[in-house]
């Protein structure tokens, strides 16, 4: 079930749905911001793409190199994703984790699945040196375009080195 339908399941009635000119009821579900990014409707700094997943830099990084791994399919809750696709998402997250460690000289990469702001499954992967790096309250809300470009270049280079 889609996020909108599930969220509003108790409040939607046939009479409350919009109709087209012929009187038939319609329900339009808006694409998530991540779907718009994946479809090229919104800009992003991609570092990885395959048939099932993409990875791009977040615009509010906890640390430089903070990357989101996102399935192309709109899935809200990670607990509901097909296990094969979840395995693929986590394999890509692992690859991105290796790349951000290499790119930013850290021994560890943090991984978080929060699922609170965008109703589209995404895995946060970021280079980390300290437990304090895990705070969404500490994000850089205004990173410079140059910093994001540099992170993208470094991660892509590290991915190329990893093969």
C-alpha atoms as a PDB file:
ATOM      1  CA  UNK A   1       0.000   0.000   0.000  1.00  0.00           C
ATOM      2  CA  UNK A   2       1.365   3.427  -0.838  1.00  0.00           C
ATOM      3  CA  UNK A   3       2.344   5.852   1.904  1.00  0.00           C
ATOM      4  CA  UNK A   4      -0.481   8.323   1.216  1.00  0.00           C
ATOM      5  CA  UNK A   5      -3.173   5.670   1.107  1.00  0.00           C
ATOM      6  CA  UNK A   6      -1.876   3.994   4.260  1.00  0.00           C
ATOM      7  CA  UNK A   7      -1.534   7.287   6.129  1.00  0.00           C
ATOM      8  CA  UNK A   8      -5.022   8.437   5.128  1.00  0.00           C
ATOM      9  CA  UNK A   9      -6.758   5.051   5.037  1.00  0.00           C
ATOM     10  CA  UNK A  10      -9.097   5.979   7.849  1.00  0.00           C
ATOM     11  CA  UNK A  11     -10.098   9.351   6.403  1.00  0.00           C
ATOM     12  CA  UNK A  12     -10.567   8.798   2.674  1.00  0.00           C
ATOM     13  CA  UNK A  13     -14.110   8.366   1.464  1.00  0.00           C
ATOM     14  CA  UNK A  14     -15.372   8.035  -2.080  1.00  0.00           C
ATOM     15  CA  UNK A  15     -17.122  11.388  -1.776  1.00  0.00           C
ATOM     16  CA  UNK A  16     -13.930  13.122  -0.650  1.00  0.00           C
ATOM     17  CA  UNK A  17     -11.889  11.996  -3.666  1.00  0.00           C
ATOM     18  CA  UNK A  18     -11.430  14.440  -6.550  1.00  0.00           C
ATOM     19  CA  UNK A  19     -13.178  13.557  -9.803  1.00  0.00           C
ATOM     20  CA  UNK A  20     -12.177  13.975 -13.418  1.00  0.00           C
ATOM     21  CA  UNK A  21     -14.523  15.590 -15.926  1.00  0.00           C
ATOM     22  CA  UNK A  22     -16.407  12.318 -16.411  1.00  0.00           C
ATOM     23  CA  UNK A  23     -17.237  12.074 -12.723  1.00  0.00           C
ATOM     24  CA  UNK A  24     -14.913   9.119 -12.042  1.00  0.00           C
ATOM     25  CA  UNK A  25     -13.025   9.382  -8.765  1.00  0.00           C
ATOM     26  CA  UNK A  26      -9.259   9.829  -8.946  1.00  0.00           C
ATOM     27  CA  UNK A  27      -6.510   9.630  -6.358  1.00  0.00           C
ATOM     28  CA  UNK A  28      -3.186  11.193  -7.278  1.00  0.00           C
ATOM     29  CA  UNK A  29      -0.195  10.237  -5.178  1.00  0.00           C
ATOM     30  CA  UNK A  30       2.645  12.724  -5.382  1.00  0.00           C
ATOM     31  CA  UNK A  31       6.131  11.368  -5.965  1.00  0.00           C
ATOM     32  CA  UNK A  32       8.566  11.692  -3.091  1.00  0.00           C
ATOM     33  CA  UNK A  33      11.424  14.157  -3.322  1.00  0.00           C
ATOM     34  CA  UNK A  34      13.742  11.166  -3.810  1.00  0.00           C
ATOM     35  CA  UNK A  35      11.698   9.895  -6.756  1.00  0.00           C
ATOM     36  CA  UNK A  36      11.913  13.365  -8.270  1.00  0.00           C
ATOM     37  CA  UNK A  37      15.698  13.279  -7.802  1.00  0.00           C
ATOM     38  CA  UNK A  38      15.941   9.784  -9.313  1.00  0.00           C
ATOM     39  CA  UNK A  39      13.810  10.871 -12.284  1.00  0.00           C
ATOM     40  CA  UNK A  40      15.989  13.936 -12.886  1.00  0.00           C
ATOM     41  CA  UNK A  41      13.277  16.420 -11.903  1.00  0.00           C
ATOM     42  CA  UNK A  42      15.433  17.753  -9.052  1.00  0.00           C
ATOM     43  CA  UNK A  43      19.233  18.083  -9.026  1.00  0.00           C
ATOM     44  CA  UNK A  44      21.513  15.849  -6.981  1.00  0.00           C
ATOM     45  CA  UNK A  45      25.144  14.824  -6.809  1.00  0.00           C
ATOM     46  CA  UNK A  46      25.009  11.128  -7.691  1.00  0.00           C
ATOM     47  CA  UNK A  47      27.919   8.864  -6.822  1.00  0.00           C
ATOM     48  CA  UNK A  48      26.385   5.489  -7.751  1.00  0.00           C
ATOM     49  CA  UNK A  49      23.521   4.079  -9.835  1.00  0.00           C
ATOM     50  CA  UNK A  50      22.284   0.627 -10.822  1.00  0.00           C
ATOM     51  CA  UNK A  51      18.932  -0.807 -11.940  1.00  0.00           C
ATOM     52  CA  UNK A  52      17.533  -0.995  -8.400  1.00  0.00           C
ATOM     53  CA  UNK A  53      19.339   1.658  -6.362  1.00  0.00           C
ATOM     54  CA  UNK A  54      21.012   5.044  -6.476  1.00  0.00           C
ATOM     55  CA  UNK A  55      23.347   6.846  -4.109  1.00  0.00           C
ATOM     56  CA  UNK A  56      23.672  10.606  -3.907  1.00  0.00           C
ATOM     57  CA  UNK A  57      24.999  13.162  -1.452  1.00  0.00           C
ATOM     58  CA  UNK A  58      22.604  14.601   1.076  1.00  0.00           C
ATOM     59  CA  UNK A  59      22.230  18.375   1.038  1.00  0.00           C
ATOM     60  CA  UNK A  60      22.495  18.452   4.859  1.00  0.00           C
ATOM     61  CA  UNK A  61      25.513  16.285   5.711  1.00  0.00           C
ATOM     62  CA  UNK A  62      26.447  15.129   9.202  1.00  0.00           C
ATOM     63  CA  UNK A  63      30.022  14.795   7.915  1.00  0.00           C
ATOM     64  CA  UNK A  64      31.529  15.545   4.518  1.00  0.00           C
ATOM     65  CA  UNK A  65      30.708  12.627   2.225  1.00  0.00           C
ATOM     66  CA  UNK A  66      27.331  11.835   3.857  1.00  0.00           C
ATOM     67  CA  UNK A  67      25.554   9.808   1.177  1.00  0.00           C
ATOM     68  CA  UNK A  68      22.021   8.448   0.862  1.00  0.00           C
ATOM     69  CA  UNK A  69      21.453   5.000  -0.648  1.00  0.00           C
ATOM     70  CA  UNK A  70      17.922   4.886  -2.043  1.00  0.00           C
ATOM     71  CA  UNK A  71      15.927   2.228  -3.902  1.00  0.00           C
ATOM     72  CA  UNK A  72      14.396   3.383  -7.173  1.00  0.00           C
ATOM     73  CA  UNK A  73      11.077   1.916  -6.011  1.00  0.00           C
ATOM     74  CA  UNK A  74       9.073   4.080  -3.608  1.00  0.00           C
ATOM     75  CA  UNK A  75       8.995   2.075  -0.399  1.00  0.00           C
ATOM     76  CA  UNK A  76       8.230   3.893   2.833  1.00  0.00           C
ATOM     77  CA  UNK A  77       9.189   1.519   5.661  1.00  0.00           C
ATOM     78  CA  UNK A  78      12.353  -0.554   5.570  1.00  0.00           C
ATOM     79  CA  UNK A  79      10.525  -3.362   7.349  1.00  0.00           C
ATOM     80  CA  UNK A  80       8.226  -3.721   4.322  1.00  0.00           C
ATOM     81  CA  UNK A  81      10.878  -3.975   1.609  1.00  0.00           C
ATOM     82  CA  UNK A  82      11.375  -7.296  -0.168  1.00  0.00           C
ATOM     83  CA  UNK A  83      14.355  -9.052   1.430  1.00  0.00           C
ATOM     84  CA  UNK A  84      16.213  -9.406  -1.888  1.00  0.00           C
ATOM     85  CA  UNK A  85      15.938  -5.672  -2.571  1.00  0.00           C
ATOM     86  CA  UNK A  86      16.875  -4.862   1.026  1.00  0.00           C
ATOM     87  CA  UNK A  87      19.950  -7.044   0.599  1.00  0.00           C
ATOM     88  CA  UNK A  88      20.856  -5.098  -2.537  1.00  0.00           C
ATOM     89  CA  UNK A  89      20.356  -1.749  -0.776  1.00  0.00           C
ATOM     90  CA  UNK A  90      22.615  -2.843   2.078  1.00  0.00           C
ATOM     91  CA  UNK A  91      25.248  -4.226  -0.326  1.00  0.00           C
ATOM     92  CA  UNK A  92      25.354  -0.815  -2.013  1.00  0.00           C
ATOM     93  CA  UNK A  93      25.478   0.869   1.419  1.00  0.00           C
ATOM     94  CA  UNK A  94      28.458  -1.337   2.275  1.00  0.00           C
ATOM     95  CA  UNK A  95      30.212  -0.374  -0.968  1.00  0.00           C
ATOM     96  CA  UNK A  96      29.520   3.317  -0.340  1.00  0.00           C
ATOM     97  CA  UNK A  97      30.794   2.854   3.232  1.00  0.00           C
ATOM     98  CA  UNK A  98      34.092   1.493   1.927  1.00  0.00           C
ATOM     99  CA  UNK A  99      34.325   4.366  -0.543  1.00  0.00           C
ATOM    100  CA  UNK A 100      33.650   7.135   1.995  1.00  0.00           C
ATOM    101  CA  UNK A 101      36.212   5.643   4.382  1.00  0.00           C
ATOM    102  CA  UNK A 102      38.788   5.608   1.610  1.00  0.00           C
ATOM    103  CA  UNK A 103      37.835   9.060   0.328  1.00  0.00           C
ATOM    104  CA  UNK A 104      37.904  10.783   3.725  1.00  0.00           C
ATOM    105  CA  UNK A 105      40.571   8.779   5.552  1.00  0.00           C
ATOM    106  CA  UNK A 106      38.379   7.226   8.231  1.00  0.00           C
ATOM    107  CA  UNK A 107      38.378   3.680   9.569  1.00  0.00           C
ATOM    108  CA  UNK A 108      34.612   3.605  10.051  1.00  0.00           C
ATOM    109  CA  UNK A 109      31.448   4.526   8.236  1.00  0.00           C
ATOM    110  CA  UNK A 110      28.214   5.193  10.071  1.00  0.00           C
ATOM    111  CA  UNK A 111      24.900   3.778   8.868  1.00  0.00           C
ATOM    112  CA  UNK A 112      21.456   5.014   9.877  1.00  0.00           C
ATOM    113  CA  UNK A 113      17.956   4.160   8.688  1.00  0.00           C
ATOM    114  CA  UNK A 114      15.777   6.826  10.279  1.00  0.00           C
ATOM    115  CA  UNK A 115      12.784   6.948   7.946  1.00  0.00           C
ATOM    116  CA  UNK A 116      11.172  10.026   9.442  1.00  0.00           C
ATOM    117  CA  UNK A 117      11.454  12.966   7.045  1.00  0.00           C
ATOM    118  CA  UNK A 118      10.966  11.489   3.563  1.00  0.00           C
ATOM    119  CA  UNK A 119       8.497   8.608   3.061  1.00  0.00           C
ATOM    120  CA  UNK A 120      10.947   6.764   0.791  1.00  0.00           C
ATOM    121  CA  UNK A 121      13.388   4.236   2.227  1.00  0.00           C
ATOM    122  CA  UNK A 122      16.922   5.600   2.416  1.00  0.00           C
ATOM    123  CA  UNK A 123      20.097   4.550   4.180  1.00  0.00           C
ATOM    124  CA  UNK A 124      22.435   7.244   5.487  1.00  0.00           C
ATOM    125  CA  UNK A 125      26.111   6.314   5.017  1.00  0.00           C
ATOM    126  CA  UNK A 126      28.796   8.709   6.229  1.00  0.00           C
ATOM    127  CA  UNK A 127      32.444   8.721   7.257  1.00  0.00           C
ATOM    128  CA  UNK A 128      32.763   8.901  11.017  1.00  0.00           C
ATOM    129  CA  UNK A 129      35.447   9.314  13.629  1.00  0.00           C
ATOM    130  CA  UNK A 130      33.307   9.887  16.719  1.00  0.00           C
ATOM    131  CA  UNK A 131      29.941   8.866  18.125  1.00  0.00           C
ATOM    132  CA  UNK A 132      29.016  12.554  18.086  1.00  0.00           C
ATOM    133  CA  UNK A 133      28.958  12.352  14.255  1.00  0.00           C
ATOM    134  CA  UNK A 134      25.656  10.456  14.582  1.00  0.00           C
ATOM    135  CA  UNK A 135      23.584  13.510  15.470  1.00  0.00           C
ATOM    136  CA  UNK A 136      21.040  14.875  13.011  1.00  0.00           C
ATOM    137  CA  UNK A 137      21.005  18.000  15.186  1.00  0.00           C
ATOM    138  CA  UNK A 138      24.596  18.640  14.087  1.00  0.00           C
ATOM    139  CA  UNK A 139      24.061  18.579  10.318  1.00  0.00           C
ATOM    140  CA  UNK A 140      25.537  21.264   8.115  1.00  0.00           C
ATOM    141  CA  UNK A 141      22.382  22.967   6.836  1.00  0.00           C
ATOM    142  CA  UNK A 142      24.287  25.108   4.340  1.00  0.00           C
ATOM    143  CA  UNK A 143      27.253  23.192   2.909  1.00  0.00           C
ATOM    144  CA  UNK A 144      29.063  25.006   0.133  1.00  0.00           C
ATOM    145  CA  UNK A 145      28.557  23.738  -3.414  1.00  0.00           C
ATOM    146  CA  UNK A 146      32.341  23.351  -3.598  1.00  0.00           C
ATOM    147  CA  UNK A 147      32.343  21.075  -0.533  1.00  0.00           C
ATOM    148  CA  UNK A 148      29.607  18.897  -2.042  1.00  0.00           C
ATOM    149  CA  UNK A 149      31.378  18.797  -5.418  1.00  0.00           C
ATOM    150  CA  UNK A 150      34.626  17.805  -3.700  1.00  0.00           C
ATOM    151  CA  UNK A 151      32.878  15.028  -1.767  1.00  0.00           C
ATOM    152  CA  UNK A 152      31.245  13.710  -4.941  1.00  0.00           C
ATOM    153  CA  UNK A 153      34.576  13.680  -6.783  1.00  0.00           C
ATOM    154  CA  UNK A 154      36.366  11.922  -3.907  1.00  0.00           C
ATOM    155  CA  UNK A 155      33.673   9.254  -3.494  1.00  0.00           C
ATOM    156  CA  UNK A 156      33.496   8.537  -7.233  1.00  0.00           C
ATOM    157  CA  UNK A 157      37.299   8.222  -7.351  1.00  0.00           C
ATOM    158  CA  UNK A 158      37.259   5.858  -4.365  1.00  0.00           C
ATOM    159  CA  UNK A 159      34.526   3.756  -5.998  1.00  0.00           C
ATOM    160  CA  UNK A 160      36.612   3.542  -9.177  1.00  0.00           C
ATOM    161  CA  UNK A 161      39.632   2.398  -7.129  1.00  0.00           C
ATOM    162  CA  UNK A 162      37.505  -0.233  -5.401  1.00  0.00           C
ATOM    163  CA  UNK A 163      36.409  -1.542  -8.798  1.00  0.00           C
END
